Amino acid sequence: MEGYAYLLGIMAVANLIPPLPAEATIPFAAALFDDHGLRVPGAIGAAALGLVLGTLPLYYLGRLAGETRVKRFLVGRGRWLLIEPADIDRSGRWFRRYGGVLVVAGRLIPGMRSMISLPAGFHRMPFGRFLVFTVIGSTLWATALVLVGHWLAHAWLGVTSLRVGLALLCIAVVLYLVRLVRLLNARADQS
């Protein structure tokens, strides 16, 4: 049971914090298969629930704070999130064009997974509808992540999934820092 709770928490955090890629959780899920004896259906359920729970604060942030305040935050103190107002504009355009289909598909697209919750909130998509589309997309994505994690746990003899996870986490941190430096330099050049 403990392993499912870990998986749920990891997925919620990965979905809540936009620069953190959910793909980086695969090796940790594999480590949970190794160490906690998770079963695939339960792991998919826990991962999907975590992904759904991770979307709710962003949906309500969009709904309560509004587009203008979120953009203002991203230009100031929120620049470390690596999201620019142009990203909000782009996801808003896509949301207005595709609506619920984009909420499902957005859960499968890196970089959009977290972002799509904001325009859904900005544009006041009914919560029940948002939740249904989010559950569908998150379950599809959780299934893919868990199956890859399960495969990883059983495929590489002698290479622990935790080591792979730490290596991927280091790579993700380096890529994050590179993007942050580029964004800060681009903003400095515009000033």
N, C-alpha and C. Protein backbone atom coordinates (compact mmCIF):
# COMPACT_ATOMS: atom_id res chain seq x y z
N MET A 1 0.82 -1.20 0.00
CA MET A 1 0.00 0.00 0.00
C MET A 1 0.87 1.27 0.00
N GLU A 2 1.98 1.19 0.71
CA GLU A 2 2.88 2.33 0.81
C GLU A 2 3.42 2.73 -0.56
N GLY A 3 3.76 1.74 -1.38
CA GLY A 3 4.28 2.01 -2.71
C GLY A 3 3.29 2.75 -3.59
N TYR A 4 2.01 2.42 -3.48
CA TYR A 4 0.98 3.11 -4.25
C TYR A 4 0.87 4.58 -3.81
N ALA A 5 0.99 4.81 -2.51
CA ALA A 5 0.94 6.19 -2.00
C ALA A 5 2.13 7.00 -2.51
N TYR A 6 3.31 6.37 -2.55
CA TYR A 6 4.49 7.06 -3.10
C TYR A 6 4.25 7.42 -4.56
N LEU A 7 3.75 6.46 -5.31
CA LEU A 7 3.51 6.69 -6.74
C LEU A 7 2.49 7.80 -6.94
N LEU A 8 1.42 7.79 -6.19
CA LEU A 8 0.41 8.84 -6.27
C LEU A 8 1.05 10.20 -5.99
N GLY A 9 1.84 10.28 -4.94
CA GLY A 9 2.48 11.55 -4.59
C GLY A 9 3.46 12.04 -5.63
N ILE A 10 4.27 11.14 -6.15
CA ILE A 10 5.25 11.50 -7.19
C ILE A 10 4.53 12.05 -8.41
N MET A 11 3.47 11.39 -8.82
CA MET A 11 2.74 11.83 -10.02
C MET A 11 2.03 13.16 -9.79
N ALA A 12 1.47 13.36 -8.62
CA ALA A 12 0.80 14.63 -8.32
C ALA A 12 1.80 15.78 -8.38
N VAL A 13 2.97 15.60 -7.79
CA VAL A 13 3.99 16.65 -7.79
C VAL A 13 4.49 16.89 -9.21
N ALA A 14 4.72 15.81 -9.96
CA ALA A 14 5.21 15.97 -11.34
C ALA A 14 4.22 16.73 -12.20
N ASN A 15 2.94 16.57 -11.94
CA ASN A 15 1.93 17.27 -12.72
C ASN A 15 1.68 18.68 -12.21
N LEU A 16 1.91 18.90 -10.94
CA LEU A 16 1.66 20.21 -10.35
C LEU A 16 2.75 21.21 -10.68
N ILE A 17 3.98 20.74 -10.81
CA ILE A 17 5.11 21.63 -11.04
C ILE A 17 5.51 21.53 -12.51
N PRO A 18 5.10 22.49 -13.33
CA PRO A 18 5.30 22.39 -14.78
C PRO A 18 6.71 22.07 -15.26
N PRO A 19 7.79 22.60 -14.69
CA PRO A 19 9.08 22.24 -15.28
C PRO A 19 9.50 20.80 -15.00
N LEU A 20 8.85 20.11 -14.06
CA LEU A 20 9.22 18.75 -13.72
C LEU A 20 8.54 17.79 -14.69
N PRO A 21 9.30 17.09 -15.53
CA PRO A 21 8.66 16.20 -16.50
C PRO A 21 8.19 14.90 -15.85
N ALA A 22 6.96 14.52 -16.13
CA ALA A 22 6.42 13.28 -15.58
C ALA A 22 7.21 12.07 -16.06
N GLU A 23 7.85 12.20 -17.22
CA GLU A 23 8.64 11.09 -17.75
C GLU A 23 9.78 10.71 -16.80
N ALA A 24 10.26 11.69 -16.03
CA ALA A 24 11.35 11.43 -15.09
C ALA A 24 10.90 10.52 -13.95
N THR A 25 9.61 10.33 -13.79
CA THR A 25 9.11 9.46 -12.72
C THR A 25 9.15 7.99 -13.08
N ILE A 26 9.36 7.67 -14.35
CA ILE A 26 9.32 6.27 -14.79
C ILE A 26 10.30 5.39 -13.99
N PRO A 27 11.56 5.79 -13.87
CA PRO A 27 12.47 4.93 -13.12
C PRO A 27 12.08 4.80 -11.64
N PHE A 28 11.51 5.86 -11.08
CA PHE A 28 11.08 5.76 -9.69
C PHE A 28 9.90 4.80 -9.56
N ALA A 29 9.03 4.82 -10.55
CA ALA A 29 7.94 3.84 -10.56
C ALA A 29 8.52 2.43 -10.67
N ALA A 30 9.54 2.30 -11.49
CA ALA A 30 10.18 0.99 -11.63
C ALA A 30 10.82 0.55 -10.31
N ALA A 31 11.43 1.50 -9.61
CA ALA A 31 12.01 1.17 -8.31
C ALA A 31 10.93 0.72 -7.34
N LEU A 32 9.75 1.31 -7.44
CA LEU A 32 8.64 0.90 -6.58
C LEU A 32 8.19 -0.52 -6.92
N PHE A 33 8.21 -0.86 -8.20
CA PHE A 33 7.88 -2.24 -8.59
C PHE A 33 8.91 -3.18 -7.97
N ASP A 34 10.18 -2.77 -8.02
CA ASP A 34 11.25 -3.61 -7.46
C ASP A 34 11.10 -3.77 -5.95
N ASP A 35 10.91 -2.67 -5.25
CA ASP A 35 11.00 -2.67 -3.79
C ASP A 35 9.68 -2.89 -3.06
N HIS A 36 8.56 -2.60 -3.69
CA HIS A 36 7.28 -2.64 -2.98
C HIS A 36 6.28 -3.62 -3.59
N GLY A 37 6.69 -4.34 -4.61
CA GLY A 37 5.82 -5.36 -5.19
C GLY A 37 4.49 -4.82 -5.72
N LEU A 38 4.53 -3.68 -6.39
CA LEU A 38 3.31 -3.11 -6.95
C LEU A 38 2.74 -4.03 -8.03
N ARG A 39 1.45 -3.98 -8.19
CA ARG A 39 0.75 -4.66 -9.28
C ARG A 39 0.37 -3.59 -10.31
N VAL A 40 0.43 -3.96 -11.58
CA VAL A 40 0.21 -2.99 -12.66
C VAL A 40 -1.14 -2.28 -12.55
N PRO A 41 -2.28 -2.96 -12.38
CA PRO A 41 -3.55 -2.22 -12.33
C PRO A 41 -3.62 -1.21 -11.17
N GLY A 42 -3.12 -1.61 -10.00
CA GLY A 42 -3.12 -0.69 -8.87
C GLY A 42 -2.18 0.49 -9.10
N ALA A 43 -1.04 0.22 -9.73
CA ALA A 43 -0.09 1.29 -10.02
C ALA A 43 -0.67 2.27 -11.03
N ILE A 44 -1.39 1.76 -12.03
CA ILE A 44 -2.03 2.66 -13.00
C ILE A 44 -3.07 3.52 -12.29
N GLY A 45 -3.86 2.92 -11.43
CA GLY A 45 -4.86 3.69 -10.69
C GLY A 45 -4.24 4.75 -9.81
N ALA A 46 -3.18 4.41 -9.08
CA ALA A 46 -2.52 5.38 -8.20
C ALA A 46 -1.87 6.50 -9.01
N ALA A 47 -1.21 6.13 -10.10
CA ALA A 47 -0.56 7.14 -10.94
C ALA A 47 -1.59 8.07 -11.57
N ALA A 48 -2.69 7.51 -12.08
CA ALA A 48 -3.73 8.34 -12.69
C ALA A 48 -4.34 9.28 -11.66
N LEU A 49 -4.62 8.78 -10.47
CA LEU A 49 -5.17 9.63 -9.42
C LEU A 49 -4.20 10.75 -9.05
N GLY A 50 -2.91 10.41 -8.96
CA GLY A 50 -1.91 11.44 -8.67
C GLY A 50 -1.86 12.50 -9.76
N LEU A 51 -1.91 12.07 -11.02
CA LEU A 51 -1.90 13.03 -12.12
C LEU A 51 -3.13 13.93 -12.09
N VAL A 52 -4.29 13.35 -11.80
CA VAL A 52 -5.52 14.15 -11.72
C VAL A 52 -5.43 15.15 -10.57
N LEU A 53 -5.01 14.69 -9.41
CA LEU A 53 -4.90 15.58 -8.25
C LEU A 53 -3.92 16.71 -8.51
N GLY A 54 -2.85 16.42 -9.26
CA GLY A 54 -1.87 17.45 -9.59
C GLY A 54 -2.39 18.53 -10.53
N THR A 55 -3.48 18.23 -11.26
CA THR A 55 -4.04 19.23 -12.18
C THR A 55 -4.98 20.21 -11.47
N LEU A 56 -5.57 19.78 -10.39
CA LEU A 56 -6.63 20.58 -9.76
C LEU A 56 -6.16 21.95 -9.26
N PRO A 57 -5.01 22.05 -8.58
CA PRO A 57 -4.58 23.39 -8.16
C PRO A 57 -4.36 24.34 -9.33
N LEU A 58 -3.85 23.83 -10.46
CA LEU A 58 -3.63 24.69 -11.62
C LEU A 58 -4.96 25.12 -12.25
N TYR A 59 -5.91 24.20 -12.30
CA TYR A 59 -7.23 24.54 -12.81
C TYR A 59 -7.85 25.66 -11.97
N TYR A 60 -7.81 25.48 -10.64
CA TYR A 60 -8.40 26.50 -9.75
C TYR A 60 -7.59 27.78 -9.74
N LEU A 61 -6.29 27.70 -9.92
CA LEU A 61 -5.48 28.91 -10.05
C LEU A 61 -5.94 29.71 -11.26
N GLY A 62 -6.12 29.02 -12.39
CA GLY A 62 -6.60 29.69 -13.59
C GLY A 62 -7.98 30.28 -13.38
N ARG A 63 -8.83 29.55 -12.72
CA ARG A 63 -10.21 29.98 -12.51
C ARG A 63 -10.30 31.16 -11.53
N LEU A 64 -9.52 31.10 -10.46
CA LEU A 64 -9.62 32.12 -9.42
C LEU A 64 -8.73 33.34 -9.65
N ALA A 65 -7.51 33.12 -10.10
CA ALA A 65 -6.58 34.23 -10.29
C ALA A 65 -6.79 34.93 -11.62
N GLY A 66 -7.14 34.19 -12.64
CA GLY A 66 -7.35 34.77 -13.96
C GLY A 66 -6.06 34.89 -14.76
N GLU A 67 -6.26 35.04 -16.04
CA GLU A 67 -5.15 35.04 -16.99
C GLU A 67 -4.18 36.20 -16.76
N THR A 68 -4.69 37.39 -16.51
CA THR A 68 -3.84 38.57 -16.36
C THR A 68 -2.90 38.44 -15.16
N ARG A 69 -3.43 38.01 -14.04
CA ARG A 69 -2.59 37.86 -12.83
C ARG A 69 -1.54 36.77 -13.02
N VAL A 70 -1.92 35.67 -13.63
CA VAL A 70 -0.96 34.58 -13.83
C VAL A 70 0.17 35.05 -14.74
N LYS A 71 -0.16 35.75 -15.81
CA LYS A 71 0.88 36.27 -16.71
C LYS A 71 1.81 37.25 -15.99
N ARG A 72 1.23 38.11 -15.17
CA ARG A 72 2.03 39.08 -14.42
C ARG A 72 3.00 38.34 -13.48
N PHE A 73 2.52 37.28 -12.84
CA PHE A 73 3.35 36.48 -11.95
C PHE A 73 4.50 35.83 -12.73
N LEU A 74 4.21 35.31 -13.91
CA LEU A 74 5.23 34.63 -14.70
C LEU A 74 6.34 35.56 -15.15
N VAL A 75 6.02 36.83 -15.36
CA VAL A 75 7.02 37.80 -15.77
C VAL A 75 7.91 38.17 -14.59
N GLY A 76 7.35 38.17 -13.40
CA GLY A 76 8.11 38.54 -12.20
C GLY A 76 8.66 37.34 -11.48
N ARG A 77 8.08 37.07 -10.33
CA ARG A 77 8.60 36.02 -9.45
C ARG A 77 8.46 34.61 -10.03
N GLY A 78 7.59 34.41 -10.98
CA GLY A 78 7.36 33.07 -11.51
C GLY A 78 8.25 32.66 -12.65
N ARG A 79 9.25 33.47 -12.96
CA ARG A 79 10.09 33.14 -14.13
C ARG A 79 10.85 31.83 -13.96
N TRP A 80 11.08 31.39 -12.74
CA TRP A 80 11.77 30.12 -12.51
C TRP A 80 10.96 28.92 -13.00
N LEU A 81 9.65 29.11 -13.24
CA LEU A 81 8.82 28.02 -13.75
C LEU A 81 9.08 27.73 -15.22
N LEU A 82 9.80 28.62 -15.89
CA LEU A 82 10.14 28.48 -17.31
C LEU A 82 8.91 28.54 -18.20
N ILE A 83 7.89 29.23 -17.74
CA ILE A 83 6.69 29.44 -18.54
C ILE A 83 6.59 30.93 -18.80
N GLU A 84 6.38 31.27 -20.03
CA GLU A 84 6.27 32.68 -20.39
C GLU A 84 4.83 33.01 -20.73
N PRO A 85 4.47 34.28 -20.67
CA PRO A 85 3.10 34.66 -21.05
C PRO A 85 2.73 34.17 -22.45
N ALA A 86 3.69 34.10 -23.35
CA ALA A 86 3.41 33.59 -24.70
C ALA A 86 2.95 32.13 -24.65
N ASP A 87 3.48 31.37 -23.70
CA ASP A 87 3.04 29.97 -23.54
C ASP A 87 1.57 29.93 -23.11
N ILE A 88 1.20 30.84 -22.24
CA ILE A 88 -0.20 30.93 -21.79
C ILE A 88 -1.09 31.32 -22.97
N ASP A 89 -0.63 32.28 -23.77
CA ASP A 89 -1.41 32.70 -24.94
C ASP A 89 -1.60 31.54 -25.92
N ARG A 90 -0.53 30.81 -26.18
CA ARG A 90 -0.58 29.70 -27.12
C ARG A 90 -1.53 28.61 -26.62
N SER A 91 -1.41 28.23 -25.34
CA SER A 91 -2.29 27.19 -24.82
C SER A 91 -3.74 27.68 -24.79
N GLY A 92 -3.95 28.97 -24.56
CA GLY A 92 -5.31 29.53 -24.59
C GLY A 92 -5.93 29.46 -25.98
N ARG A 93 -5.12 29.78 -27.01
CA ARG A 93 -5.61 29.69 -28.39
C ARG A 93 -6.00 28.27 -28.72
N TRP A 94 -5.15 27.35 -28.34
CA TRP A 94 -5.43 25.94 -28.61
C TRP A 94 -6.68 25.50 -27.84
N PHE A 95 -6.80 25.94 -26.61
CA PHE A 95 -7.95 25.54 -25.80
C PHE A 95 -9.25 26.06 -26.42
N ARG A 96 -9.25 27.32 -26.84
CA ARG A 96 -10.46 27.89 -27.46
C ARG A 96 -10.82 27.14 -28.73
N ARG A 97 -9.84 26.66 -29.44
CA ARG A 97 -10.09 25.96 -30.69
C ARG A 97 -10.55 24.52 -30.49
N TYR A 98 -9.93 23.80 -29.54
CA TYR A 98 -10.18 22.37 -29.40
C TYR A 98 -10.89 21.95 -28.12
N GLY A 99 -10.94 22.80 -27.11
CA GLY A 99 -11.69 22.53 -25.88
C GLY A 99 -11.31 21.23 -25.18
N GLY A 100 -12.33 20.42 -24.91
CA GLY A 100 -12.14 19.19 -24.15
C GLY A 100 -11.19 18.20 -24.78
N VAL A 101 -11.18 18.15 -26.11
CA VAL A 101 -10.26 17.23 -26.80
C VAL A 101 -8.82 17.59 -26.45
N LEU A 102 -8.54 18.88 -26.33
CA LEU A 102 -7.19 19.31 -25.98
C LEU A 102 -6.86 18.96 -24.54
N VAL A 103 -7.84 18.97 -23.65
CA VAL A 103 -7.58 18.57 -22.27
C VAL A 103 -7.13 17.11 -22.23
N VAL A 104 -7.80 16.25 -23.00
CA VAL A 104 -7.39 14.83 -23.07
C VAL A 104 -6.02 14.73 -23.73
N ALA A 105 -5.88 15.28 -24.91
CA ALA A 105 -4.62 15.17 -25.66
C ALA A 105 -3.47 15.87 -24.94
N GLY A 106 -3.78 16.98 -24.28
CA GLY A 106 -2.74 17.73 -23.57
C GLY A 106 -2.08 16.93 -22.46
N ARG A 107 -2.79 15.98 -21.89
CA ARG A 107 -2.22 15.13 -20.84
C ARG A 107 -1.15 14.21 -21.39
N LEU A 108 -1.11 14.06 -22.71
CA LEU A 108 -0.15 13.15 -23.35
C LEU A 108 1.04 13.89 -23.96
N ILE A 109 1.03 15.22 -23.90
CA ILE A 109 2.06 16.02 -24.56
C ILE A 109 2.95 16.69 -23.52
N PRO A 110 4.25 16.34 -23.50
CA PRO A 110 5.15 16.99 -22.55
C PRO A 110 5.12 18.51 -22.74
N GLY A 111 5.13 19.22 -21.63
CA GLY A 111 5.09 20.67 -21.67
C GLY A 111 3.68 21.23 -21.66
N MET A 112 2.74 20.46 -22.15
CA MET A 112 1.35 20.93 -22.14
C MET A 112 0.56 20.27 -21.02
N ARG A 113 1.09 19.20 -20.49
CA ARG A 113 0.37 18.40 -19.50
C ARG A 113 -0.15 19.25 -18.35
N SER A 114 0.69 20.08 -17.79
CA SER A 114 0.27 20.95 -16.70
C SER A 114 -0.40 22.21 -17.24
N MET A 115 0.13 22.73 -18.33
CA MET A 115 -0.32 24.02 -18.86
C MET A 115 -1.78 24.03 -19.25
N ILE A 116 -2.32 22.94 -19.72
CA ILE A 116 -3.68 22.94 -20.24
C ILE A 116 -4.71 23.17 -19.14
N SER A 117 -4.34 22.92 -17.90
CA SER A 117 -5.27 23.15 -16.78
C SER A 117 -5.54 24.64 -16.60
N LEU A 118 -4.54 25.47 -16.85
CA LEU A 118 -4.71 26.91 -16.66
C LEU A 118 -5.77 27.51 -17.60
N PRO A 119 -5.67 27.30 -18.93
CA PRO A 119 -6.70 27.88 -19.78
C PRO A 119 -8.08 27.27 -19.54
N ALA A 120 -8.12 26.01 -19.11
CA ALA A 120 -9.42 25.42 -18.77
C ALA A 120 -10.04 26.21 -17.62
N GLY A 121 -9.21 26.61 -16.67
CA GLY A 121 -9.70 27.45 -15.57
C GLY A 121 -9.99 28.87 -16.03
N PHE A 122 -9.10 29.45 -16.83
CA PHE A 122 -9.31 30.82 -17.32
C PHE A 122 -10.64 30.94 -18.04
N HIS A 123 -10.95 29.95 -18.87
CA HIS A 123 -12.14 30.00 -19.72
C HIS A 123 -13.35 29.33 -19.08
N ARG A 124 -13.22 29.03 -17.78
CA ARG A 124 -14.34 28.53 -16.97
C ARG A 124 -14.98 27.26 -17.52
N MET A 125 -14.14 26.33 -17.99
CA MET A 125 -14.67 25.03 -18.38
C MET A 125 -15.35 24.44 -17.14
N PRO A 126 -16.57 23.93 -17.28
CA PRO A 126 -17.24 23.35 -16.12
C PRO A 126 -16.37 22.26 -15.48
N PHE A 127 -16.31 22.29 -14.15
CA PHE A 127 -15.40 21.40 -13.43
C PHE A 127 -15.65 19.93 -13.75
N GLY A 128 -16.90 19.50 -13.80
CA GLY A 128 -17.20 18.10 -14.09
C GLY A 128 -16.66 17.68 -15.44
N ARG A 129 -16.84 18.53 -16.42
CA ARG A 129 -16.34 18.25 -17.77
C ARG A 129 -14.81 18.19 -17.78
N PHE A 130 -14.19 19.17 -17.11
CA PHE A 130 -12.74 19.19 -16.99
C PHE A 130 -12.24 17.90 -16.33
N LEU A 131 -12.91 17.49 -15.29
CA LEU A 131 -12.51 16.30 -14.55
C LEU A 131 -12.62 15.03 -15.41
N VAL A 132 -13.70 14.90 -16.16
CA VAL A 132 -13.86 13.72 -17.03
C VAL A 132 -12.75 13.67 -18.07
N PHE A 133 -12.50 14.78 -18.75
CA PHE A 133 -11.44 14.80 -19.77
C PHE A 133 -10.07 14.57 -19.14
N THR A 134 -9.85 15.13 -17.95
CA THR A 134 -8.58 14.96 -17.27
C THR A 134 -8.37 13.51 -16.85
N VAL A 135 -9.41 12.86 -16.35
CA VAL A 135 -9.29 11.46 -15.94
C VAL A 135 -8.97 10.59 -17.15
N ILE A 136 -9.60 10.83 -18.27
CA ILE A 136 -9.33 10.04 -19.47
C ILE A 136 -7.88 10.20 -19.90
N GLY A 137 -7.44 11.44 -20.09
CA GLY A 137 -6.07 11.69 -20.54
C GLY A 137 -5.04 11.23 -19.53
N SER A 138 -5.29 11.46 -18.25
CA SER A 138 -4.33 11.07 -17.21
C SER A 138 -4.23 9.56 -17.10
N THR A 139 -5.34 8.86 -17.28
CA THR A 139 -5.30 7.40 -17.21
C THR A 139 -4.50 6.84 -18.39
N LEU A 140 -4.68 7.41 -19.57
CA LEU A 140 -3.88 6.98 -20.73
C LEU A 140 -2.39 7.19 -20.46
N TRP A 141 -2.05 8.37 -19.95
CA TRP A 141 -0.65 8.69 -19.71
C TRP A 141 -0.09 7.84 -18.58
N ALA A 142 -0.86 7.66 -17.51
CA ALA A 142 -0.41 6.83 -16.39
C ALA A 142 -0.17 5.40 -16.85
N THR A 143 -1.03 4.90 -17.72
CA THR A 143 -0.86 3.55 -18.23
C THR A 143 0.47 3.43 -18.97
N ALA A 144 0.78 4.39 -19.81
CA ALA A 144 2.05 4.36 -20.55
C ALA A 144 3.23 4.43 -19.58
N LEU A 145 3.19 5.35 -18.62
CA LEU A 145 4.31 5.50 -17.69
C LEU A 145 4.51 4.24 -16.84
N VAL A 146 3.42 3.70 -16.34
CA VAL A 146 3.51 2.52 -15.48
C VAL A 146 4.02 1.31 -16.27
N LEU A 147 3.53 1.14 -17.48
CA LEU A 147 3.99 -0.01 -18.28
C LEU A 147 5.47 0.11 -18.61
N VAL A 148 5.93 1.32 -18.92
CA VAL A 148 7.36 1.50 -19.17
C VAL A 148 8.15 1.27 -17.88
N GLY A 149 7.65 1.78 -16.76
CA GLY A 149 8.30 1.54 -15.47
C GLY A 149 8.36 0.07 -15.12
N HIS A 150 7.28 -0.64 -15.39
CA HIS A 150 7.24 -2.08 -15.12
C HIS A 150 8.24 -2.82 -16.00
N TRP A 151 8.29 -2.45 -17.26
CA TRP A 151 9.25 -3.05 -18.17
C TRP A 151 10.69 -2.78 -17.69
N LEU A 152 10.94 -1.52 -17.31
CA LEU A 152 12.27 -1.13 -16.86
C LEU A 152 12.68 -1.93 -15.62
N ALA A 153 11.73 -2.17 -14.74
CA ALA A 153 12.03 -2.91 -13.51
C ALA A 153 12.45 -4.35 -13.80
N HIS A 154 12.01 -4.87 -14.92
CA HIS A 154 12.30 -6.27 -15.22
C HIS A 154 13.27 -6.47 -16.39
N ALA A 155 13.64 -5.42 -17.08
CA ALA A 155 14.43 -5.57 -18.30
C ALA A 155 15.93 -5.46 -18.09
N TRP A 156 16.36 -4.61 -17.21
CA TRP A 156 17.79 -4.33 -17.09
C TRP A 156 18.35 -5.00 -15.85
N LEU A 157 18.88 -6.17 -16.03
CA LEU A 157 19.48 -6.89 -14.91
C LEU A 157 20.78 -6.20 -14.52
N GLY A 158 20.97 -5.97 -13.25
CA GLY A 158 22.20 -5.36 -12.76
C GLY A 158 22.19 -3.85 -12.75
N VAL A 159 21.26 -3.23 -13.46
CA VAL A 159 21.14 -1.78 -13.45
C VAL A 159 19.87 -1.45 -12.68
N THR A 160 20.04 -0.87 -11.53
CA THR A 160 18.85 -0.59 -10.73
C THR A 160 18.10 0.60 -11.32
N SER A 161 16.81 0.53 -11.22
CA SER A 161 15.99 1.61 -11.75
C SER A 161 16.21 2.90 -10.98
N LEU A 162 16.60 2.78 -9.72
CA LEU A 162 16.86 3.99 -8.95
C LEU A 162 18.07 4.74 -9.51
N ARG A 163 19.10 4.02 -9.94
CA ARG A 163 20.27 4.67 -10.56
C ARG A 163 19.88 5.35 -11.86
N VAL A 164 19.07 4.66 -12.65
CA VAL A 164 18.60 5.26 -13.89
C VAL A 164 17.79 6.52 -13.58
N GLY A 165 16.95 6.43 -12.57
CA GLY A 165 16.13 7.57 -12.17
C GLY A 165 16.96 8.75 -11.73
N LEU A 166 17.99 8.50 -10.95
CA LEU A 166 18.86 9.59 -10.51
C LEU A 166 19.59 10.21 -11.69
N ALA A 167 20.01 9.39 -12.63
CA ALA A 167 20.67 9.93 -13.84
C ALA A 167 19.70 10.79 -14.63
N LEU A 168 18.46 10.31 -14.81
CA LEU A 168 17.46 11.11 -15.54
C LEU A 168 17.12 12.39 -14.80
N LEU A 169 17.06 12.32 -13.49
CA LEU A 169 16.78 13.52 -12.70
C LEU A 169 17.89 14.54 -12.88
N CYS A 170 19.14 14.08 -12.89
CA CYS A 170 20.27 14.99 -13.12
C CYS A 170 20.18 15.63 -14.50
N ILE A 171 19.85 14.83 -15.49
CA ILE A 171 19.70 15.35 -16.85
C ILE A 171 18.57 16.38 -16.89
N ALA A 172 17.45 16.09 -16.24
CA ALA A 172 16.33 17.03 -16.21
C ALA A 172 16.72 18.34 -15.54
N VAL A 173 17.49 18.28 -14.46
CA VAL A 173 17.93 19.48 -13.77
C VAL A 173 18.84 20.30 -14.67
N VAL A 174 19.77 19.65 -15.36
CA VAL A 174 20.67 20.36 -16.27
C VAL A 174 19.86 21.02 -17.40
N LEU A 175 18.92 20.29 -17.99
CA LEU A 175 18.09 20.87 -19.06
C LEU A 175 17.27 22.04 -18.54
N TYR A 176 16.74 21.91 -17.34
CA TYR A 176 15.99 23.00 -16.71
C TYR A 176 16.87 24.24 -16.56
N LEU A 177 18.07 24.05 -16.04
CA LEU A 177 18.98 25.18 -15.84
C LEU A 177 19.39 25.83 -17.16
N VAL A 178 19.62 25.02 -18.19
CA VAL A 178 19.94 25.56 -19.51
C VAL A 178 18.79 26.42 -20.02
N ARG A 179 17.57 25.91 -19.92
CA ARG A 179 16.40 26.69 -20.38
C ARG A 179 16.23 27.95 -19.56
N LEU A 180 16.43 27.86 -18.25
CA LEU A 180 16.30 29.04 -17.39
C LEU A 180 17.31 30.12 -17.79
N VAL A 181 18.56 29.73 -18.02
CA VAL A 181 19.58 30.69 -18.41
C VAL A 181 19.22 31.32 -19.75
N ARG A 182 18.76 30.51 -20.70
CA ARG A 182 18.37 31.05 -22.01
C ARG A 182 17.22 32.05 -21.89
N LEU A 183 16.22 31.73 -21.09
CA LEU A 183 15.08 32.64 -20.92
C LEU A 183 15.53 33.93 -20.25
N LEU A 184 16.36 33.82 -19.23
CA LEU A 184 16.83 35.03 -18.54
C LEU A 184 17.70 35.88 -19.46
N ASN A 185 18.52 35.23 -20.26
CA ASN A 185 19.34 35.99 -21.23
C ASN A 185 18.47 36.67 -22.29
N ALA A 186 17.45 35.97 -22.77
CA ALA A 186 16.55 36.54 -23.76
C ALA A 186 15.80 37.74 -23.18
N ARG A 187 15.39 37.64 -21.93
CA ARG A 187 14.71 38.77 -21.29
C ARG A 187 15.66 39.93 -21.08
N ALA A 188 16.92 39.64 -20.74
CA ALA A 188 17.90 40.70 -20.56
C ALA A 188 18.18 41.42 -21.89
N ASP A 189 18.21 40.66 -22.98
CA ASP A 189 18.44 41.25 -24.30
C ASP A 189 17.28 42.15 -24.72
N GLN A 190 16.06 41.80 -24.29
CA GLN A 190 14.87 42.60 -24.64
C GLN A 190 14.82 43.90 -23.87
N SER A 191 15.49 43.95 -22.72
CA SER A 191 15.44 45.15 -21.88
C SER A 191 16.31 46.25 -22.41
